[in-house]
């Protein structure tokens, strides 16, 4: 899968309350969650983000509470993926569980700038900064996890596999 978009860059230690403030946890509407994504860090984020755009961040992205609402709000914002120096463990797992691809790259996090256009090849594990021409290598997403993303997350993947196994 090839993902391409404009970069929205964030700092180290962005926590789940900053990705989606707790005051919005009572909604089940993904559209509503998307309207409040990153608003406590960048009040203009939802106005600037376009389908396919990419979040780039420093270390420990998604730290804090274990809620799935945070990666769900990012996915509902139509962000194609998140690249960071590192992720909080539970955020990492929740992202794949809801079908949001994420990648770790210290080099890309340090060198890519906001508004750069980048392209991510999820199978080959390549991040290409279209703006600068620089290439970054990251581990490719294993086939099973690519299937999770393709089917929209663990629940949809399980439904598909259950139908096949019957």
Protein backbone atom coordinates (compact mmCIF):
# COMPACT_ATOMS: atom_id res chain seq x y z
CA UNK A 1 0.00 0.00 0.00
CA UNK A 2 1.29 3.48 -0.88
CA UNK A 3 0.28 6.35 1.40
CA UNK A 4 0.94 9.94 0.37
CA UNK A 5 0.20 13.21 2.11
CA UNK A 6 1.27 16.47 3.65
CA UNK A 7 3.01 16.34 7.03
CA UNK A 8 1.60 17.77 10.24
CA UNK A 9 4.47 17.72 12.73
CA UNK A 10 4.12 17.44 16.50
CA UNK A 11 6.49 17.31 19.48
CA UNK A 12 7.59 14.51 21.82
CA UNK A 13 5.23 13.01 24.41
CA UNK A 14 1.91 13.84 22.77
CA UNK A 15 -0.55 12.07 25.06
CA UNK A 16 -3.95 10.57 24.33
CA UNK A 17 -5.71 13.46 26.09
CA UNK A 18 -4.03 15.84 23.66
CA UNK A 19 -4.86 13.67 20.65
CA UNK A 20 -8.50 13.57 21.75
CA UNK A 21 -9.46 15.53 24.85
CA UNK A 22 -11.26 13.47 27.49
CA UNK A 23 -14.29 15.76 27.33
CA UNK A 24 -15.20 14.09 24.00
CA UNK A 25 -15.00 10.48 25.15
CA UNK A 26 -18.76 10.22 25.54
CA UNK A 27 -19.37 10.29 21.78
CA UNK A 28 -19.55 7.21 19.60
CA UNK A 29 -19.60 9.14 16.33
CA UNK A 30 -16.32 8.88 14.44
CA UNK A 31 -17.22 12.06 12.56
CA UNK A 32 -17.58 13.89 15.87
CA UNK A 33 -14.28 12.47 17.16
CA UNK A 34 -12.54 13.74 14.01
CA UNK A 35 -13.79 17.27 14.67
CA UNK A 36 -11.81 17.39 17.93
CA UNK A 37 -8.64 15.56 16.93
CA UNK A 38 -5.49 17.35 18.19
CA UNK A 39 -7.49 20.46 19.14
CA UNK A 40 -5.69 21.05 22.44
CA UNK A 41 -2.33 21.13 20.64
CA UNK A 42 -3.35 22.77 17.36
CA UNK A 43 -6.79 24.36 17.23
CA UNK A 44 -6.49 24.66 13.44
CA UNK A 45 -5.61 20.99 12.84
CA UNK A 46 -9.08 19.88 11.75
CA UNK A 47 -9.29 22.81 9.34
CA UNK A 48 -5.84 22.11 7.85
CA UNK A 49 -5.84 18.32 7.61
CA UNK A 50 -6.81 16.79 4.28
CA UNK A 51 -7.55 13.15 3.43
CA UNK A 52 -4.29 11.22 3.23
CA UNK A 53 -2.23 13.67 5.28
CA UNK A 54 0.33 12.27 7.69
CA UNK A 55 1.10 13.01 11.33
CA UNK A 56 4.80 13.06 12.22
CA UNK A 57 5.87 13.26 15.84
CA UNK A 58 8.70 12.81 18.28
CA UNK A 59 9.13 10.11 20.88
CA UNK A 60 6.45 8.44 23.00
CA UNK A 61 3.49 9.43 20.81
CA UNK A 62 0.18 8.31 22.31
CA UNK A 63 1.35 8.07 25.90
CA UNK A 64 -1.17 8.34 28.71
CA UNK A 65 -4.40 6.43 29.00
CA UNK A 66 -5.14 3.32 26.96
CA UNK A 67 -8.26 4.54 25.20
CA UNK A 68 -8.87 3.56 21.59
CA UNK A 69 -10.55 6.91 21.00
CA UNK A 70 -7.20 8.58 20.31
CA UNK A 71 -6.12 6.54 17.26
CA UNK A 72 -9.76 6.36 16.16
CA UNK A 73 -9.96 10.17 16.10
CA UNK A 74 -6.81 10.29 13.97
CA UNK A 75 -8.15 7.69 11.55
CA UNK A 76 -11.54 9.43 11.42
CA UNK A 77 -9.70 12.64 10.49
CA UNK A 78 -8.65 10.70 7.37
CA UNK A 79 -4.97 10.86 8.31
CA UNK A 80 -3.37 8.01 6.35
CA UNK A 81 -0.70 7.11 8.92
CA UNK A 82 1.39 8.31 11.84
CA UNK A 83 5.18 8.32 11.89
CA UNK A 84 7.00 8.95 15.15
CA UNK A 85 10.34 8.35 16.85
CA UNK A 86 8.50 5.95 19.14
CA UNK A 87 5.00 5.10 20.34
CA UNK A 88 3.50 4.26 23.68
CA UNK A 89 2.98 0.48 23.67
CA UNK A 90 -0.81 0.50 24.11
CA UNK A 91 -1.27 3.23 21.47
CA UNK A 92 0.79 1.13 19.05
CA UNK A 93 -1.47 -1.89 19.55
CA UNK A 94 -4.70 0.14 19.53
CA UNK A 95 -3.68 1.76 16.24
CA UNK A 96 -3.42 -1.54 14.43
CA UNK A 97 -6.54 -2.83 16.17
CA UNK A 98 -8.56 -0.01 14.59
CA UNK A 99 -6.71 -0.14 11.25
CA UNK A 100 -4.41 2.90 11.52
CA UNK A 101 -0.91 2.27 10.11
CA UNK A 102 1.98 3.62 12.18
CA UNK A 103 5.74 3.64 11.66
CA UNK A 104 8.76 4.36 13.84
CA UNK A 105 11.60 6.40 12.34
CA UNK A 106 13.86 8.61 14.43
CA UNK A 107 15.59 9.93 11.32
CA UNK A 108 12.35 10.94 9.55
CA UNK A 109 10.99 12.49 12.75
CA UNK A 110 14.12 14.64 13.03
CA UNK A 111 14.49 15.62 9.38
CA UNK A 112 11.02 15.89 7.83
CA UNK A 113 9.27 19.23 8.26
CA UNK A 114 5.68 20.33 8.55
CA UNK A 115 4.09 20.75 5.11
CA UNK A 116 6.59 18.43 3.40
CA UNK A 117 4.89 15.91 1.13
CA UNK A 118 5.89 12.33 1.88
CA UNK A 119 5.06 8.93 0.50
CA UNK A 120 5.10 5.72 2.55
CA UNK A 121 5.34 2.27 0.98
CA UNK A 122 3.94 0.04 3.73
CA UNK A 123 5.10 -3.20 2.08
CA UNK A 124 8.67 -2.16 1.27
CA UNK A 125 9.15 -0.08 4.42
CA UNK A 126 10.19 3.08 2.61
CA UNK A 127 9.37 6.68 3.46
CA UNK A 128 10.15 9.07 0.61
CA UNK A 129 10.16 12.78 1.31
CA UNK A 130 8.85 14.06 -2.03
CA UNK A 131 9.77 17.62 -1.02
CA UNK A 132 13.48 16.91 -0.42
CA UNK A 133 14.03 13.59 -2.21
CA UNK A 134 15.37 11.96 0.96
CA UNK A 135 14.54 8.26 1.56
CA UNK A 136 14.11 6.66 4.99
CA UNK A 137 13.97 2.92 5.62
CA UNK A 138 11.54 1.56 8.23
CA UNK A 139 10.43 -1.98 9.00
CA UNK A 140 7.64 -3.00 6.65
CA UNK A 141 4.31 -3.87 8.21
CA UNK A 142 3.96 -7.65 8.58
CA UNK A 143 1.33 -9.28 6.33
CA UNK A 144 -1.05 -10.03 9.21
CA UNK A 145 -0.98 -6.40 10.35
CA UNK A 146 -1.40 -5.16 6.78
CA UNK A 147 -4.51 -7.35 6.64
CA UNK A 148 -5.79 -5.66 9.82
CA UNK A 149 -5.36 -2.29 8.14
CA UNK A 150 -6.90 -3.44 4.86
CA UNK A 151 -10.03 -4.77 6.59
CA UNK A 152 -10.37 -1.69 8.80
CA UNK A 153 -9.14 -3.15 12.07
CA UNK A 154 -9.26 -6.24 14.23
CA UNK A 155 -13.05 -6.52 14.47
CA UNK A 156 -13.62 -6.42 10.71
CA UNK A 157 -10.64 -8.72 10.15
CA UNK A 158 -12.09 -11.23 12.62
CA UNK A 159 -15.49 -11.10 10.90
CA UNK A 160 -13.84 -11.76 7.53
CA UNK A 161 -11.73 -14.63 8.84
CA UNK A 162 -14.68 -16.18 10.66
CA UNK A 163 -16.67 -16.17 7.42
CA UNK A 164 -13.78 -17.83 5.58
CA UNK A 165 -13.27 -20.49 8.27
CA UNK A 166 -16.92 -21.55 8.21
